[in-house]
C-alpha atoms as a PDB file:
ATOM      1  CA  MET A   1     -56.421  19.508  45.038  1.00  0.00           C
ATOM      2  CA  ALA A   2     -55.611  22.200  47.609  1.00  0.00           C
ATOM      3  CA  ASN A   3     -57.375  25.535  47.328  1.00  0.00           C
ATOM      4  CA  ASN A   4     -54.538  28.001  46.847  1.00  0.00           C
ATOM      5  CA  PHE A   5     -56.768  31.010  46.209  1.00  0.00           C
ATOM      6  CA  ARG A   6     -57.128  33.989  48.517  1.00  0.00           C
ATOM      7  CA  GLU A   7     -60.598  35.499  48.796  1.00  0.00           C
ATOM      8  CA  PHE A   8     -61.221  39.165  47.952  1.00  0.00           C
ATOM      9  CA  ASN A   9     -64.303  41.256  48.538  1.00  0.00           C
ATOM     10  CA  PRO A  10     -66.204  41.802  45.264  1.00  0.00           C
ATOM     11  CA  CYS A  11     -64.199  44.319  43.224  1.00  0.00           C
ATOM     12  CA  THR A  12     -63.181  45.277  39.694  1.00  0.00           C
ATOM     13  CA  LEU A  13     -60.210  42.926  39.457  1.00  0.00           C
ATOM     14  CA  LEU A  14     -60.643  42.197  35.743  1.00  0.00           C
ATOM     15  CA  ALA A  15     -57.156  42.575  34.254  1.00  0.00           C
ATOM     16  CA  PRO A  16     -55.373  43.471  32.151  1.00  0.00           C
ATOM     17  CA  VAL A  17     -57.582  46.047  30.466  1.00  0.00           C
ATOM     18  CA  PRO A  18     -56.827  48.572  27.737  1.00  0.00           C
ATOM     19  CA  ALA A  19     -55.435  51.862  28.956  1.00  0.00           C
ATOM     20  CA  VAL A  20     -56.612  54.584  26.594  1.00  0.00           C
ATOM     21  CA  MET A  21     -56.789  58.343  26.386  1.00  0.00           C
ATOM     22  CA  VAL A  22     -60.272  59.573  25.563  1.00  0.00           C
ATOM     23  CA  SER A  23     -60.431  62.989  23.935  1.00  0.00           C
ATOM     24  CA  CYS A  24     -63.553  65.136  23.911  1.00  0.00           C
ATOM     25  CA  CYS A  25     -64.745  68.724  23.662  1.00  0.00           C
ATOM     26  CA  GLY A  26     -67.698  70.798  24.746  1.00  0.00           C
ATOM     27  CA  VAL A  27     -70.062  72.503  22.337  1.00  0.00           C
ATOM     28  CA  GLN A  28     -69.854  76.101  23.541  1.00  0.00           C
ATOM     29  CA  ALA A  29     -68.138  78.667  21.339  1.00  0.00           C
ATOM     30  CA  GLY A  30     -64.426  78.630  22.066  1.00  0.00           C
ATOM     31  CA  ALA A  31     -64.613  75.380  24.050  1.00  0.00           C
ATOM     32  CA  LYS A  32     -61.232  73.727  24.506  1.00  0.00           C
ATOM     33  CA  PRO A  33     -60.828  69.982  24.134  1.00  0.00           C
ATOM     34  CA  ASN A  34     -59.772  67.779  27.021  1.00  0.00           C
ATOM     35  CA  ILE A  35     -58.242  64.351  27.571  1.00  0.00           C
ATOM     36  CA  ILE A  36     -59.291  61.796  30.166  1.00  0.00           C
ATOM     37  CA  THR A  37     -57.493  58.534  30.896  1.00  0.00           C
ATOM     38  CA  VAL A  38     -59.824  55.545  30.930  1.00  0.00           C
ATOM     39  CA  ALA A  39     -59.028  51.981  31.932  1.00  0.00           C
ATOM     40  CA  TRP A  40     -62.691  50.972  31.876  1.00  0.00           C
ATOM     41  CA  ALA A  41     -63.205  50.752  28.130  1.00  0.00           C
ATOM     42  CA  GLY A  42     -64.338  47.845  26.041  1.00  0.00           C
ATOM     43  CA  THR A  43     -65.940  46.452  22.922  1.00  0.00           C
ATOM     44  CA  VAL A  44     -69.685  45.901  23.303  1.00  0.00           C
ATOM     45  CA  ASN A  45     -70.987  45.171  19.802  1.00  0.00           C
ATOM     46  CA  SER A  46     -69.735  44.329  16.318  1.00  0.00           C
ATOM     47  CA  GLU A  47     -72.625  45.252  13.985  1.00  0.00           C
ATOM     48  CA  PRO A  48     -72.689  48.187  14.244  1.00  0.00           C
ATOM     49  CA  PRO A  49     -69.258  48.473  15.852  1.00  0.00           C
ATOM     50  CA  MET A  50     -69.674  49.897  19.355  1.00  0.00           C
ATOM     51  CA  VAL A  51     -67.404  50.510  22.333  1.00  0.00           C
ATOM     52  CA  SER A  52     -67.975  51.773  25.839  1.00  0.00           C
ATOM     53  CA  VAL A  53     -66.150  54.081  28.226  1.00  0.00           C
ATOM     54  CA  SER A  54     -67.135  54.515  31.867  1.00  0.00           C
ATOM     55  CA  VAL A  55     -66.650  57.958  33.426  1.00  0.00           C
ATOM     56  CA  ARG A  56     -67.471  59.346  36.862  1.00  0.00           C
ATOM     57  CA  LYS A  57     -70.030  62.154  36.837  1.00  0.00           C
ATOM     58  CA  ASN A  58     -67.649  64.520  38.622  1.00  0.00           C
ATOM     59  CA  ARG A  59     -64.910  64.209  36.013  1.00  0.00           C
ATOM     60  CA  PHE A  60     -64.298  67.308  33.922  1.00  0.00           C
ATOM     61  CA  SER A  61     -64.794  65.374  30.669  1.00  0.00           C
ATOM     62  CA  HIS A  62     -68.163  63.917  31.661  1.00  0.00           C
ATOM     63  CA  HIS A  63     -70.197  66.981  30.732  1.00  0.00           C
ATOM     64  CA  MET A  64     -68.264  67.406  27.469  1.00  0.00           C
ATOM     65  CA  ILE A  65     -69.149  63.913  26.306  1.00  0.00           C
ATOM     66  CA  SER A  66     -72.728  64.364  27.515  1.00  0.00           C
ATOM     67  CA  GLU A  67     -73.190  67.689  25.709  1.00  0.00           C
ATOM     68  CA  SER A  68     -71.459  66.855  22.443  1.00  0.00           C
ATOM     69  CA  GLY A  69     -72.461  63.199  22.174  1.00  0.00           C
ATOM     70  CA  GLU A  70     -68.952  62.462  20.923  1.00  0.00           C
ATOM     71  CA  PHE A  71     -65.674  61.020  22.119  1.00  0.00           C
ATOM     72  CA  VAL A  72     -62.508  59.566  20.643  1.00  0.00           C
ATOM     73  CA  VAL A  73     -60.753  56.500  22.030  1.00  0.00           C
ATOM     74  CA  ASN A  74     -57.020  56.899  21.399  1.00  0.00           C
ATOM     75  CA  LEU A  75     -54.831  53.816  21.708  1.00  0.00           C
ATOM     76  CA  VAL A  76     -51.655  54.550  23.645  1.00  0.00           C
ATOM     77  CA  ASP A  77     -48.114  53.350  22.962  1.00  0.00           C
ATOM     78  CA  GLU A  78     -45.213  53.050  25.390  1.00  0.00           C
ATOM     79  CA  ALA A  79     -43.775  56.402  24.317  1.00  0.00           C
ATOM     80  CA  HIS A  80     -46.876  58.145  25.682  1.00  0.00           C
ATOM     81  CA  CYS A  81     -47.396  56.104  28.845  1.00  0.00           C
ATOM     82  CA  LYS A  82     -46.344  59.043  31.042  1.00  0.00           C
ATOM     83  CA  ALA A  83     -48.875  61.279  29.278  1.00  0.00           C
ATOM     84  CA  LEU A  84     -51.482  58.570  29.792  1.00  0.00           C
ATOM     85  CA  ASP A  85     -50.818  58.596  33.524  1.00  0.00           C
ATOM     86  CA  PHE A  86     -50.723  62.403  33.776  1.00  0.00           C
ATOM     87  CA  CYS A  87     -54.075  62.761  32.031  1.00  0.00           C
ATOM     88  CA  GLY A  88     -55.548  60.422  34.633  1.00  0.00           C
ATOM     89  CA  VAL A  89     -54.235  62.174  37.739  1.00  0.00           C
ATOM     90  CA  ARG A  90     -54.686  65.824  36.745  1.00  0.00           C
ATOM     91  CA  SER A  91     -57.938  67.589  35.880  1.00  0.00           C
ATOM     92  CA  GLY A  92     -58.532  69.609  32.752  1.00  0.00           C
ATOM     93  CA  LYS A  93     -60.057  72.236  35.034  1.00  0.00           C
ATOM     94  CA  ASP A  94     -56.590  73.023  36.343  1.00  0.00           C
ATOM     95  CA  VAL A  95     -54.161  72.312  33.515  1.00  0.00           C
ATOM     96  CA  ASP A  96     -54.014  72.203  29.730  1.00  0.00           C
ATOM     97  CA  LYS A  97     -53.146  68.540  29.310  1.00  0.00           C
ATOM     98  CA  TRP A  98     -52.412  68.931  25.608  1.00  0.00           C
ATOM     99  CA  ALA A  99     -49.738  71.547  26.187  1.00  0.00           C
ATOM    100  CA  HIS A 100     -48.270  69.884  29.267  1.00  0.00           C
ATOM    101  CA  CYS A 101     -47.896  66.504  27.531  1.00  0.00           C
ATOM    102  CA  GLY A 102     -46.910  67.855  24.116  1.00  0.00           C
ATOM    103  CA  LEU A 103     -49.976  66.409  22.430  1.00  0.00           C
ATOM    104  CA  THR A 104     -51.743  67.749  19.349  1.00  0.00           C
ATOM    105  CA  PRO A 105     -55.527  67.864  18.761  1.00  0.00           C
ATOM    106  CA  LEU A 106     -56.315  66.299  15.391  1.00  0.00           C
ATOM    107  CA  PRO A 107     -59.635  67.119  13.690  1.00  0.00           C
ATOM    108  CA  VAL A 108     -61.799  64.064  13.010  1.00  0.00           C
ATOM    109  CA  LYS A 109     -63.870  64.282   9.839  1.00  0.00           C
ATOM    110  CA  GLU A 110     -66.724  62.158  11.223  1.00  0.00           C
ATOM    111  CA  LEU A 111     -67.176  64.313  14.334  1.00  0.00           C
ATOM    112  CA  ASP A 112     -68.140  67.930  14.929  1.00  0.00           C
ATOM    113  CA  HIS A 113     -66.392  68.587  18.234  1.00  0.00           C
ATOM    114  CA  ALA A 114     -64.100  65.902  19.652  1.00  0.00           C
ATOM    115  CA  PRO A 115     -60.547  65.738  18.247  1.00  0.00           C
ATOM    116  CA  ALA A 116     -58.201  62.765  18.174  1.00  0.00           C
ATOM    117  CA  ILE A 117     -54.653  62.791  19.547  1.00  0.00           C
ATOM    118  CA  ALA A 118     -52.233  63.068  16.633  1.00  0.00           C
ATOM    119  CA  GLU A 119     -49.374  61.349  18.456  1.00  0.00           C
ATOM    120  CA  CYS A 120     -51.288  58.126  19.192  1.00  0.00           C
ATOM    121  CA  PRO A 121     -50.900  55.102  16.872  1.00  0.00           C
ATOM    122  CA  ALA A 122     -54.633  54.662  16.275  1.00  0.00           C
ATOM    123  CA  TYR A 123     -58.001  56.086  17.250  1.00  0.00           C
ATOM    124  CA  LEU A 124     -61.699  55.206  17.199  1.00  0.00           C
ATOM    125  CA  ALA A 125     -64.104  58.105  16.634  1.00  0.00           C
ATOM    126  CA  CYS A 126     -67.397  57.509  18.439  1.00  0.00           C
ATOM    127  CA  LYS A 127     -70.884  58.975  18.640  1.00  0.00           C
ATOM    128  CA  VAL A 128     -72.824  58.338  21.836  1.00  0.00           C
ATOM    129  CA  ARG A 129     -75.812  56.063  21.287  1.00  0.00           C
ATOM    130  CA  GLN A 130     -76.721  55.299  24.890  1.00  0.00           C
ATOM    131  CA  VAL A 131     -75.771  56.278  28.437  1.00  0.00           C
ATOM    132  CA  LEU A 132     -76.145  53.811  31.295  1.00  0.00           C
ATOM    133  CA  GLU A 133     -76.125  55.224  34.819  1.00  0.00           C
ATOM    134  CA  LEU A 134     -74.531  52.438  36.809  1.00  0.00           C
ATOM    135  CA  GLY A 135     -73.660  53.965  40.179  1.00  0.00           C
ATOM    136  CA  SER A 136     -70.196  55.432  40.596  1.00  0.00           C
ATOM    137  CA  HIS A 137     -69.796  55.696  36.809  1.00  0.00           C
ATOM    138  CA  ASP A 138     -71.867  56.451  33.734  1.00  0.00           C
ATOM    139  CA  MET A 139     -71.179  54.172  30.800  1.00  0.00           C
ATOM    140  CA  PHE A 140     -71.162  55.947  27.454  1.00  0.00           C
ATOM    141  CA  ILE A 141     -71.866  53.485  24.661  1.00  0.00           C
ATOM    142  CA  GLY A 142     -70.565  54.883  21.418  1.00  0.00           C
ATOM    143  CA  GLU A 143     -70.932  53.744  17.844  1.00  0.00           C
ATOM    144  CA  VAL A 144     -67.589  53.723  16.074  1.00  0.00           C
ATOM    145  CA  VAL A 145     -68.027  56.008  13.069  1.00  0.00           C
ATOM    146  CA  GLY A 146     -64.389  56.308  12.033  1.00  0.00           C
ATOM    147  CA  VAL A 147     -61.043  54.593  12.606  1.00  0.00           C
ATOM    148  CA  GLN A 148     -57.558  55.777  11.704  1.00  0.00           C
ATOM    149  CA  VAL A 149     -54.336  53.777  12.133  1.00  0.00           C
ATOM    150  CA  ARG A 150     -50.792  54.955  11.492  1.00  0.00           C
ATOM    151  CA  GLU A 151     -49.260  53.684   8.256  1.00  0.00           C
ATOM    152  CA  GLU A 152     -46.343  51.954  10.009  1.00  0.00           C
ATOM    153  CA  MET A 153     -48.788  49.515  11.630  1.00  0.00           C
ATOM    154  CA  PHE A 154     -49.361  47.834   8.257  1.00  0.00           C
ATOM    155  CA  GLU A 155     -47.516  45.286   6.178  1.00  0.00           C
ATOM    156  CA  GLY A 156     -49.262  45.433   2.854  1.00  0.00           C
ATOM    157  CA  THR A 157     -52.938  45.293   3.775  1.00  0.00           C
ATOM    158  CA  ALA A 158     -52.358  43.351   7.017  1.00  0.00           C
ATOM    159  CA  LEU A 159     -52.739  45.284  10.263  1.00  0.00           C
ATOM    160  CA  HIS A 160     -50.048  44.595  12.878  1.00  0.00           C
ATOM    161  CA  LEU A 161     -51.065  46.462  16.010  1.00  0.00           C
ATOM    162  CA  GLU A 162     -48.459  44.537  17.981  1.00  0.00           C
ATOM    163  CA  ARG A 163     -45.961  46.943  16.411  1.00  0.00           C
ATOM    164  CA  ALA A 164     -47.550  49.829  18.285  1.00  0.00           C
ATOM    165  CA  GLY A 165     -46.284  48.690  21.681  1.00  0.00           C
ATOM    166  CA  LEU A 166     -49.673  49.317  23.235  1.00  0.00           C
ATOM    167  CA  VAL A 167     -50.092  49.861  26.970  1.00  0.00           C
ATOM    168  CA  THR A 168     -52.411  47.917  29.266  1.00  0.00           C
ATOM    169  CA  TYR A 169     -53.504  48.567  32.850  1.00  0.00           C
ATOM    170  CA  ASN A 170     -53.093  45.712  35.290  1.00  0.00           C
ATOM    171  CA  HIS A 171     -54.355  46.402  38.833  1.00  0.00           C
ATOM    172  CA  GLY A 172     -52.650  49.780  39.244  1.00  0.00           C
ATOM    173  CA  VAL A 173     -49.677  49.058  36.973  1.00  0.00           C
ATOM    174  CA  TYR A 174     -49.078  49.948  33.316  1.00  0.00           C
ATOM    175  CA  GLN A 175     -47.708  47.074  31.243  1.00  0.00           C
ATOM    176  CA  ARG A 176     -46.697  46.286  27.682  1.00  0.00           C
ATOM    177  CA  ALA A 177     -49.080  44.384  25.410  1.00  0.00           C
ATOM    178  CA  ALA A 178     -46.585  43.679  22.632  1.00  0.00           C
ATOM    179  CA  ASP A 179     -45.675  39.968  22.809  1.00  0.00           C
ATOM    180  CA  VAL A 180     -47.607  37.742  20.406  1.00  0.00           C
ATOM    181  CA  LEU A 181     -48.438  34.298  21.814  1.00  0.00           C
ATOM    182  CA  GLY A 182     -50.768  33.192  19.036  1.00  0.00           C
ATOM    183  CA  PHE A 183     -53.487  34.362  16.672  1.00  0.00           C
ATOM    184  CA  PHE A 184     -57.223  33.776  16.529  1.00  0.00           C
ATOM    185  CA  GLY A 185     -57.694  30.092  15.754  1.00  0.00           C
ATOM    186  CA  TYR A 186     -54.049  29.108  16.288  1.00  0.00           C
ATOM    187  CA  SER A 187     -55.008  26.283  18.658  1.00  0.00           C
ATOM    188  CA  VAL A 188     -56.573  24.387  15.751  1.00  0.00           C
ATOM    189  CA  ALA A 189     -54.339  25.595  12.898  1.00  0.00           C
ATOM    190  CA  ARG A 190     -52.449  23.111  10.755  1.00  0.00           C
ATOM    191  CA  PRO A 191     -48.722  22.969  11.652  1.00  0.00           C
ATOM    192  CA  GLU A 192     -47.612  24.571   8.388  1.00  0.00           C
ATOM    193  CA  VAL A 193     -50.141  27.407   8.807  1.00  0.00           C
ATOM    194  CA  LEU A 194     -49.091  27.939  12.403  1.00  0.00           C
ATOM    195  CA  GLU A 195     -45.415  28.128  11.425  1.00  0.00           C
ATOM    196  CA  ARG A 196     -46.072  30.507   8.536  1.00  0.00           C
ATOM    197  CA  ARG A 197     -48.328  32.829  10.504  1.00  0.00           C
ATOM    198  CA  MET A 198     -46.124  32.997  13.600  1.00  0.00           C
ATOM    199  CA  LYS A 199     -43.017  33.849  11.547  1.00  0.00           C
ATOM    200  CA  VAL A 200     -44.614  37.193  10.793  1.00  0.00           C
ATOM    201  CA  TYR A 201     -44.406  38.098  14.480  1.00  0.00           C
ATOM    202  CA  GLU A 202     -40.781  37.129  15.024  1.00  0.00           C
ATOM    203  CA  LYS A 203     -38.628  40.048  16.126  1.00  0.00           C
END
């Protein structure tokens, strides 16, 4: 078989990845919350539930997360893709991202400082458990201490995040993550189970 691959230098080509807005706040009196766009976020543990976000030391939000030990990972839908991009290319030092993007800080009962973004379809409230200094970025590993999901993402007790129209980041491009191709275990599901389960995702 011919080798039809083109060689790249080692790089962070992993794609697609979740594109999320991370909200945080400092601990000083009168501190204002900020939003940072993160494409380097991921699940790192299930018991306890833990996620990571990687942030450059020179980013305005870095010291807020370091000081407070808190951050909120907000999942982003297509309606807020432009806000997602803006919060990644402008610094909170220079502009109030909340006001510019029409976003609303939402208090999170499990946290003391960091708010969620009220307009997002879901959020994960996190407390920092470990910081790994990796080079260009510090990885904040946070334990998920609270999760909220908008009511319209449910059908009965079943969660249907595909309804959120979530955004992914694919090598410099934002893309939809809405189409359902299967479900966990569908490759070995009985035909009648496969048919019944997949009908739920028909548009």
